[in-house]
Amino acid sequence: MKVDAAIIGAGPSGLAAAIELVQNGLSVAVIDEYYRAGGRLLGQHYEDRKAPPDERIWNGKEIAEKLEEKARNLGVHIFTGVTAWSVSGKWKIDVTGEKVNAIISKVLLLATGSIEKALPIPGWTLPGAVSIGAAQTFTNLHHVAVGKKVMIVGIDPLSLSVMIEMKNAGIDVAGMALPPLSPATGQNHSPRQTLERLKDVAGLAPNPLMRMAGTFALGRFPNLAARALKFNFLKVNGVPIYLRKSVAKIEGEKKVEAVTLQSVSVDGRPAGKIEQIEVDTVCLSAGLYPMADLAQVAGCPIIDIPELGGMVPLHGPDMSTSVKGLYVAGNITGIEGAKVAMAQGNLAASSILKSMGRKSSISVNEAMMKVKKAREISPLRFLPKIEEGRSKMNEIWKKEGIV
């Protein structure tokens, strides 16, 4: 199959780019290994208090369905349940699981998104221990409760938003606690570091006073707040947030039966009593990292920038890469929300159209400004130093002499 542009990834950035490209005269094929289009949009459902009153409920599943319907109606070829196992030339994408064995295109956009980090703690392989992303998908997409009584391990913007979604769905969440510090889990889960991240999710608090106070207190006095929170008086939607306790072990013989909580110091070291809480499900949250594998296969340099989430393809502010005809968009470039990913998809499409001498409904500079705006109004901030990471990438891009 021959098209002008091929996109790997049918999430928010991939679908947004496909719509922009086809609306401006290009033939487009989108490939995704999941059984339906939408990516991480499919599991999202929350209230965005930064949005206008009539747009505050963010129903990711509904948004994904509308994007897919619009793309298909415009003539975009969307292949789901398909794995792109190789990219070569300029460009040949070999696929499995579809009648079409390969797609040939003039340009390639990688919108492969992100994947969850594992959180290996004692007992994590027991039935009943699931990732927070799986819990989100079960809750919001399939409307299935992951358990009767749930403990969440890992306190971050993603787990907090999913906890609220589970509570809204009527699931009993017993609490949220930290993972134990270890070489496997890393050293970024102390109460102090967790509080620094929480200021970026204070907007999810249920009332304006708590949102304002939370943003101010967490941003200005993290150490003071960490010491005060040893009494565990912090609750969100009625769920205890154990900022001074870690889940030392998931207990159970053949399935999850309880968790062992260990009190910890401000720096996350064991300090004090141990207790058990009976639960039948544990949701593990360690964050996300970009899926950059195909970019590397395509010959794009991969750069380690922790502020962006880890290894990311070298790319410019316009979403182009050092490989001619190869573009990137969405969480492959750094972990951010769906609104930013969609804006990046539109930016990548504008860059592609410009490179092919085609007119776009929006200029590259205008699209860049929309990405910046989307970042400013995003209700969730997954990485606290995302701007620093973007600046690092731009500096590396300039040093390489690409611009």
Protein backbone atom coordinates (compact mmCIF):
# COMPACT_ATOMS: atom_id res chain seq x y z
CA MET A 1 0.00 0.00 0.00
CA LYS A 2 1.38 3.42 -0.96
CA VAL A 3 0.48 6.66 0.83
CA ASP A 4 1.95 10.12 1.23
CA ALA A 5 2.30 9.82 5.00
CA ALA A 6 2.39 6.87 7.38
CA ILE A 7 1.77 7.27 11.10
CA ILE A 8 2.62 4.63 13.68
CA GLY A 9 0.39 5.15 16.70
CA ALA A 10 -3.34 5.90 16.72
CA GLY A 11 -3.34 7.84 19.98
CA PRO A 12 -4.17 11.54 20.39
CA SER A 13 -1.08 12.82 18.55
CA GLY A 14 -1.32 10.32 15.70
CA LEU A 15 -5.03 10.89 15.06
CA ALA A 16 -4.70 14.68 15.30
CA ALA A 17 -1.83 14.63 12.79
CA ALA A 18 -3.69 12.31 10.42
CA ILE A 19 -6.72 14.60 10.33
CA GLU A 20 -4.61 17.69 9.64
CA LEU A 21 -2.65 15.93 6.88
CA VAL A 22 -5.62 14.46 5.05
CA GLN A 23 -7.51 17.74 5.26
CA ASN A 24 -4.67 19.33 3.36
CA GLY A 25 -4.54 16.85 0.52
CA LEU A 26 -2.28 14.01 1.64
CA SER A 27 -3.13 10.31 1.67
CA VAL A 28 -2.54 8.89 5.14
CA ALA A 29 -2.30 5.46 6.80
CA VAL A 30 -2.29 5.02 10.58
CA ILE A 31 -1.06 1.82 12.25
CA ASP A 32 -1.68 0.75 15.86
CA GLU A 33 -1.16 -2.57 17.63
CA TYR A 34 -4.15 -2.08 19.96
CA TYR A 35 -7.52 -3.42 18.87
CA ARG A 36 -9.00 0.07 18.64
CA ALA A 37 -7.79 3.62 18.03
CA GLY A 38 -7.36 6.16 20.83
CA GLY A 39 -4.24 5.18 22.75
CA ARG A 40 -4.17 6.42 26.34
CA LEU A 41 -7.21 8.58 25.64
CA LEU A 42 -9.36 5.49 26.01
CA GLY A 43 -8.80 5.24 29.76
CA GLN A 44 -9.06 8.93 30.66
CA HIS A 45 -12.03 10.44 32.46
CA TYR A 46 -11.62 13.43 34.79
CA GLU A 47 -12.71 17.01 35.46
CA ASP A 48 -10.46 19.67 33.97
CA ARG A 49 -11.07 22.76 36.07
CA LYS A 50 -8.87 24.88 33.80
CA ALA A 51 -11.23 24.34 30.87
CA PRO A 52 -14.35 26.43 30.10
CA PRO A 53 -17.40 25.32 32.14
CA ASP A 54 -18.98 23.42 29.23
CA GLU A 55 -15.71 21.56 28.49
CA ARG A 56 -14.58 20.57 31.98
CA ILE A 57 -15.44 16.88 31.78
CA TRP A 58 -12.62 15.23 29.87
CA ASN A 59 -14.04 11.97 28.51
CA GLY A 60 -11.09 10.44 26.71
CA LYS A 61 -13.03 7.52 25.26
CA GLU A 62 -15.58 9.87 23.71
CA ILE A 63 -12.85 12.16 22.35
CA ALA A 64 -11.00 9.19 20.85
CA GLU A 65 -14.16 7.96 19.14
CA LYS A 66 -14.81 11.39 17.63
CA LEU A 67 -11.23 11.71 16.39
CA GLU A 68 -11.32 8.24 14.83
CA GLU A 69 -14.69 8.85 13.20
CA LYS A 70 -13.53 12.17 11.75
CA ALA A 71 -10.30 10.64 10.46
CA ARG A 72 -12.06 7.70 8.79
CA ASN A 73 -14.72 9.95 7.25
CA LEU A 74 -11.96 12.10 5.75
CA GLY A 75 -10.37 9.03 4.17
CA VAL A 76 -7.58 8.13 6.60
CA HIS A 77 -6.71 4.43 6.45
CA ILE A 78 -6.63 3.22 10.06
CA PHE A 79 -5.23 -0.25 10.75
CA THR A 80 -5.69 -1.50 14.33
CA GLY A 81 -4.52 -4.78 15.81
CA VAL A 82 -1.46 -4.41 13.59
CA THR A 83 2.19 -4.50 14.65
CA ALA A 84 4.80 -2.47 12.80
CA TRP A 85 7.85 -4.72 13.24
CA SER A 86 10.29 -2.95 10.96
CA VAL A 87 10.86 0.40 9.27
CA SER A 88 13.40 0.87 6.51
CA GLY A 89 14.20 2.99 3.47
CA LYS A 90 12.29 6.21 2.98
CA TRP A 91 9.82 4.71 4.03
CA LYS A 92 8.77 1.06 4.15
CA ILE A 93 6.82 -0.14 7.19
CA ASP A 94 6.50 -3.92 7.49
CA VAL A 95 3.39 -4.96 9.42
CA THR A 96 1.78 -8.11 10.76
CA GLY A 97 -1.84 -8.89 11.53
CA GLU A 98 -3.32 -7.23 8.44
CA LYS A 99 -3.98 -8.13 4.80
CA VAL A 100 -1.52 -5.37 3.89
CA ASN A 101 2.02 -6.65 4.52
CA ALA A 102 3.81 -3.36 4.05
CA ILE A 103 3.07 0.34 3.74
CA ILE A 104 5.23 2.60 1.57
CA SER A 105 5.19 6.31 2.34
CA LYS A 106 7.03 9.53 1.58
CA VAL A 107 7.19 10.57 5.22
CA LEU A 108 6.87 8.74 8.52
CA LEU A 109 5.48 10.09 11.79
CA LEU A 110 6.21 8.11 14.94
CA ALA A 111 3.52 8.67 17.55
CA THR A 112 4.16 5.51 19.52
CA GLY A 113 3.49 7.07 22.91
CA SER A 114 4.73 5.68 26.21
CA ILE A 115 4.78 2.56 28.31
CA GLU A 116 4.48 2.00 32.06
CA LYS A 117 7.55 1.40 34.18
CA ALA A 118 7.55 -1.77 36.24
CA LEU A 119 7.42 -1.45 40.03
CA PRO A 120 9.02 -4.62 41.43
CA ILE A 121 8.32 -4.88 45.14
CA PRO A 122 7.92 -8.05 47.23
CA GLY A 123 4.69 -9.80 46.18
CA TRP A 124 4.18 -7.82 42.96
CA THR A 125 3.64 -10.98 40.86
CA LEU A 126 0.65 -12.19 42.90
CA PRO A 127 -2.71 -12.32 41.12
CA GLY A 128 -4.49 -9.12 42.08
CA ALA A 129 -1.44 -6.90 41.60
CA VAL A 130 -1.91 -4.78 38.47
CA SER A 131 -0.42 -1.66 36.94
CA ILE A 132 -2.19 1.65 37.47
CA GLY A 133 -2.66 1.97 33.70
CA ALA A 134 -4.46 -1.37 33.57
CA ALA A 135 -6.70 -0.22 36.43
CA GLN A 136 -7.51 2.95 34.51
CA THR A 137 -8.40 1.03 31.36
CA PHE A 138 -10.57 -1.48 33.24
CA THR A 139 -12.35 1.32 35.12
CA ASN A 140 -13.01 3.86 32.38
CA LEU A 141 -13.02 1.86 29.15
CA HIS A 142 -14.44 -1.53 30.16
CA HIS A 143 -16.36 -0.41 33.28
CA VAL A 144 -14.94 -3.29 35.29
CA ALA A 145 -13.86 -2.92 38.94
CA VAL A 146 -10.31 -4.19 39.41
CA GLY A 147 -11.12 -5.25 42.96
CA LYS A 148 -13.35 -4.81 45.98
CA LYS A 149 -10.74 -3.07 48.15
CA VAL A 150 -7.72 -1.47 46.49
CA MET A 151 -4.38 -0.13 47.69
CA ILE A 152 -2.35 2.06 45.32
CA VAL A 153 1.44 1.93 45.53
CA GLY A 154 3.12 5.03 44.11
CA ILE A 155 1.89 8.60 44.60
CA ASP A 156 2.17 10.67 41.43
CA PRO A 157 -0.06 12.64 39.04
CA LEU A 158 -1.11 9.52 37.12
CA SER A 159 -1.98 7.42 40.17
CA LEU A 160 -3.83 10.31 41.83
CA SER A 161 -5.96 10.93 38.75
CA VAL A 162 -6.75 7.20 38.42
CA MET A 163 -7.58 6.99 42.12
CA ILE A 164 -10.15 9.76 41.69
CA GLU A 165 -11.56 7.99 38.63
CA MET A 166 -11.88 4.72 40.59
CA LYS A 167 -13.56 6.49 43.51
CA ASN A 168 -16.01 8.15 41.14
CA ALA A 169 -16.78 4.67 39.76
CA GLY A 170 -17.65 3.42 43.25
CA ILE A 171 -14.49 1.39 43.93
CA ASP A 172 -13.28 1.22 47.55
CA VAL A 173 -9.73 2.61 47.60
CA ALA A 174 -8.15 1.87 50.97
CA GLY A 175 -5.32 4.34 50.45
CA MET A 176 -2.24 5.38 48.54
CA ALA A 177 1.29 4.79 49.83
CA LEU A 178 4.88 5.03 48.63
CA PRO A 179 6.91 2.12 47.26
CA PRO A 180 9.95 1.12 49.34
CA LEU A 181 13.24 2.70 48.34
CA SER A 182 15.43 0.12 46.62
CA PRO A 183 17.79 -0.25 43.65
CA ALA A 184 14.84 -1.64 41.69
CA THR A 185 12.33 1.10 42.48
CA GLY A 186 14.85 3.95 42.44
CA GLN A 187 15.39 6.75 44.92
CA ASN A 188 12.70 9.16 43.68
CA HIS A 189 9.83 8.09 45.93
CA SER A 190 10.65 9.79 49.24
CA PRO A 191 7.97 11.95 50.91
CA ARG A 192 9.97 15.09 50.06
CA GLN A 193 10.28 14.25 46.35
CA THR A 194 6.68 13.07 46.17
CA LEU A 195 5.42 16.37 47.58
CA GLU A 196 7.41 18.28 44.98
CA ARG A 197 5.56 16.35 42.26
CA LEU A 198 2.16 16.75 43.92
CA LYS A 199 2.12 20.52 43.50
CA ASP A 200 1.65 19.84 39.78
CA VAL A 201 -1.55 17.88 40.44
CA ALA A 202 -3.09 20.11 43.14
CA GLY A 203 -5.66 21.22 40.55
CA LEU A 204 -7.42 17.88 41.02
CA ALA A 205 -8.42 18.84 44.59
CA PRO A 206 -12.20 18.92 45.07
CA ASN A 207 -12.62 22.60 45.97
CA PRO A 208 -10.97 25.93 45.04
CA LEU A 209 -9.55 26.61 48.52
CA MET A 210 -7.78 23.24 48.67
CA ARG A 211 -6.44 23.71 45.13
CA MET A 212 -5.01 27.14 45.94
CA ALA A 213 -3.61 26.13 49.34
CA GLY A 214 -2.22 22.88 47.96
CA THR A 215 -0.38 24.57 45.11
CA PHE A 216 1.08 27.23 47.44
CA ALA A 217 2.02 24.95 50.35
CA LEU A 218 3.45 22.12 48.26
CA GLY A 219 5.39 24.52 46.07
CA ARG A 220 6.84 26.74 48.83
CA PHE A 221 7.18 24.50 51.89
CA PRO A 222 7.75 20.87 50.82
CA ASN A 223 9.98 19.94 53.78
CA LEU A 224 7.61 21.47 56.33
CA ALA A 225 4.65 19.73 54.73
CA ALA A 226 6.51 16.41 54.63
CA ARG A 227 7.20 16.57 58.38
CA ALA A 228 3.63 17.59 59.18
CA LEU A 229 2.23 14.79 57.06
CA LYS A 230 3.74 12.14 59.31
CA PHE A 231 0.31 12.23 60.98
CA ASN A 232 -1.30 11.25 57.63
CA PHE A 233 -4.10 13.76 57.81
CA LEU A 234 -4.04 14.29 54.05
CA LYS A 235 -7.01 12.86 52.19
CA VAL A 236 -8.19 13.26 48.60
CA ASN A 237 -11.79 12.30 47.82
CA GLY A 238 -11.86 10.61 51.22
CA VAL A 239 -8.86 8.40 50.41
CA PRO A 240 -5.90 8.48 52.87
CA ILE A 241 -2.65 9.55 51.19
CA TYR A 242 0.11 7.88 53.22
CA LEU A 243 3.02 10.14 52.38
CA ARG A 244 5.02 8.85 55.34
CA LYS A 245 4.39 5.14 54.76
CA SER A 246 5.62 2.69 52.16
CA VAL A 247 4.23 -0.67 51.09
CA ALA A 248 7.06 -2.95 52.20
CA LYS A 249 5.36 -6.11 50.92
CA ILE A 250 2.25 -7.36 49.16
CA GLU A 251 0.94 -10.27 51.23
CA GLY A 252 -0.87 -13.40 50.09
CA GLU A 253 -0.52 -17.12 49.35
CA LYS A 254 -2.17 -17.55 45.96
CA LYS A 255 -3.51 -14.00 45.50
CA VAL A 256 -3.33 -10.54 47.06
CA GLU A 257 -4.70 -10.60 50.60
CA ALA A 258 -3.09 -7.60 52.32
CA VAL A 259 -0.26 -5.09 52.26
CA THR A 260 2.36 -4.43 54.92
CA LEU A 261 2.89 -0.71 55.56
CA GLN A 262 6.18 0.60 56.95
CA SER A 263 6.46 4.11 58.41
CA VAL A 264 9.28 6.08 56.76
CA SER A 265 11.32 9.22 57.36
CA VAL A 266 11.11 12.38 55.25
CA ASP A 267 13.82 10.86 53.07
CA GLY A 268 11.92 7.58 52.69
CA ARG A 269 13.98 5.44 55.07
CA PRO A 270 12.21 2.88 57.31
CA ALA A 271 11.43 4.59 60.61
CA GLY A 272 8.83 3.32 63.04
CA LYS A 273 5.98 0.88 63.19
CA ILE A 274 4.71 -1.73 60.73
CA GLU A 275 1.05 -2.48 60.13
CA GLN A 276 -1.11 -4.50 57.76
CA ILE A 277 -4.18 -3.49 55.76
CA GLU A 278 -6.40 -6.14 54.19
CA VAL A 279 -6.99 -5.57 50.45
CA ASP A 280 -7.69 -7.82 47.49
CA THR A 281 -6.04 -5.64 44.83
CA VAL A 282 -2.87 -3.59 44.58
CA CYS A 283 -2.31 -1.03 41.79
CA LEU A 284 1.35 -0.28 41.07
CA SER A 285 2.39 3.12 39.72
CA ALA A 286 6.00 3.95 38.80
CA GLY A 287 5.40 6.41 35.97
CA LEU A 288 5.81 6.21 32.21
CA TYR A 289 8.69 6.27 29.75
CA PRO A 290 8.74 7.05 26.00
CA MET A 291 8.55 4.20 23.47
CA ALA A 292 11.50 5.16 21.28
CA ASP A 293 12.38 1.73 19.85
CA LEU A 294 11.20 2.34 16.29
CA ALA A 295 12.92 5.72 16.17
CA GLN A 296 16.20 3.96 16.87
CA VAL A 297 15.43 1.33 14.20
CA ALA A 298 14.74 4.18 11.77
CA GLY A 299 18.23 5.58 12.40
CA CYS A 300 17.30 8.47 14.65
CA PRO A 301 19.77 9.29 17.47
CA ILE A 302 18.34 8.56 20.93
CA ILE A 303 19.13 10.95 23.79
CA ASP A 304 18.80 10.27 27.52
CA ILE A 305 16.98 13.21 29.10
CA PRO A 306 15.50 12.20 32.51
CA GLU A 307 13.40 15.39 32.64
CA LEU A 308 11.49 14.11 29.59
CA GLY A 309 11.06 10.61 30.98
CA GLY A 310 14.20 8.85 29.76
CA MET A 311 15.44 7.92 26.30
CA VAL A 312 13.84 10.08 23.59
CA PRO A 313 14.56 10.57 19.87
CA LEU A 314 16.60 13.65 18.99
CA HIS A 315 14.13 16.12 17.50
CA GLY A 316 13.64 19.81 16.85
CA PRO A 317 10.96 22.22 18.14
CA ASP A 318 8.95 21.54 14.95
CA MET A 319 8.85 17.75 15.61
CA SER A 320 11.29 16.93 12.80
CA THR A 321 14.29 14.66 13.37
CA SER A 322 17.79 14.50 11.93
CA VAL A 323 16.58 11.71 9.61
CA LYS A 324 14.99 13.22 6.52
CA GLY A 325 11.29 12.47 6.30
CA LEU A 326 11.03 11.21 9.89
CA TYR A 327 8.93 13.08 12.45
CA VAL A 328 7.83 12.44 16.03
CA ALA A 329 4.93 13.61 18.21
CA GLY A 330 3.31 12.85 21.54
CA ASN A 331 4.80 10.97 24.47
CA ILE A 332 7.64 9.52 22.41
CA THR A 333 9.14 13.01 22.79
CA GLY A 334 8.50 13.30 26.56
CA ILE A 335 5.74 12.41 28.99
CA GLU A 336 2.89 14.94 28.91
CA GLY A 337 -0.91 14.98 28.73
CA ALA A 338 -3.24 14.23 25.84
CA LYS A 339 -3.91 17.90 25.07
CA VAL A 340 -0.21 18.52 24.53
CA ALA A 341 0.05 15.35 22.44
CA MET A 342 -2.78 16.48 20.16
CA ALA A 343 -1.16 19.89 19.73
CA GLN A 344 2.15 18.20 18.90
CA GLY A 345 0.36 16.04 16.33
CA ASN A 346 -0.94 19.16 14.62
CA LEU A 347 2.54 20.71 14.77
CA ALA A 348 4.13 17.62 13.20
CA ALA A 349 1.51 17.68 10.46
CA SER A 350 2.23 21.36 9.72
CA SER A 351 5.95 20.58 9.51
CA ILE A 352 5.34 17.66 7.18
CA LEU A 353 3.14 19.74 4.90
CA LYS A 354 5.74 22.52 4.82
CA SER A 355 8.50 20.05 3.92
CA MET A 356 6.39 18.76 1.03
CA GLY A 357 5.57 22.23 -0.27
CA ARG A 358 1.92 21.94 0.75
CA LYS A 359 -0.19 24.59 2.39
CA SER A 360 -1.42 23.96 5.91
CA SER A 361 -4.42 25.36 7.75
CA ILE A 362 -1.97 26.58 10.40
CA SER A 363 1.66 27.67 10.10
CA VAL A 364 4.46 25.86 11.91
CA ASN A 365 5.02 28.87 14.18
CA GLU A 366 1.33 29.08 15.02
CA ALA A 367 1.28 25.36 15.74
CA MET A 368 4.29 25.79 18.06
CA MET A 369 2.40 28.45 19.99
CA LYS A 370 -0.56 26.09 20.35
CA VAL A 371 1.72 23.44 21.84
CA LYS A 372 3.00 26.01 24.33
CA LYS A 373 -0.55 27.03 25.19
CA ALA A 374 -1.65 23.40 25.60
CA ARG A 375 1.24 22.86 27.99
CA GLU A 376 0.23 25.89 30.07
CA ILE A 377 -3.40 24.82 30.46
CA SER A 378 -2.79 21.09 30.84
CA PRO A 379 -4.59 19.87 34.01
CA LEU A 380 -1.98 17.17 34.67
CA ARG A 381 1.77 17.57 34.78
CA PHE A 382 3.51 14.21 34.84
CA LEU A 383 7.12 15.41 35.02
CA PRO A 384 8.04 18.42 37.19
CA LYS A 385 10.95 19.60 35.02
CA ILE A 386 9.45 19.13 31.56
CA GLU A 387 10.42 22.65 30.41
CA GLU A 388 14.01 22.03 31.48
CA GLY A 389 13.97 18.81 29.48
CA ARG A 390 12.61 20.57 26.38
CA SER A 391 15.33 23.21 26.69
CA LYS A 392 17.99 20.51 26.92
CA MET A 393 16.66 18.86 23.77
CA ASN A 394 16.66 22.16 21.88
CA GLU A 395 20.26 22.87 22.95
CA ILE A 396 21.40 19.44 21.78
CA TRP A 397 19.51 19.96 18.51
CA LYS A 398 21.34 23.27 17.96
CA LYS A 399 24.74 21.80 18.89
CA GLU A 400 24.27 19.10 16.28
CA GLY A 401 24.07 21.90 13.73
CA ILE A 402 20.68 20.82 12.45
CA VAL A 403 19.22 24.33 12.71
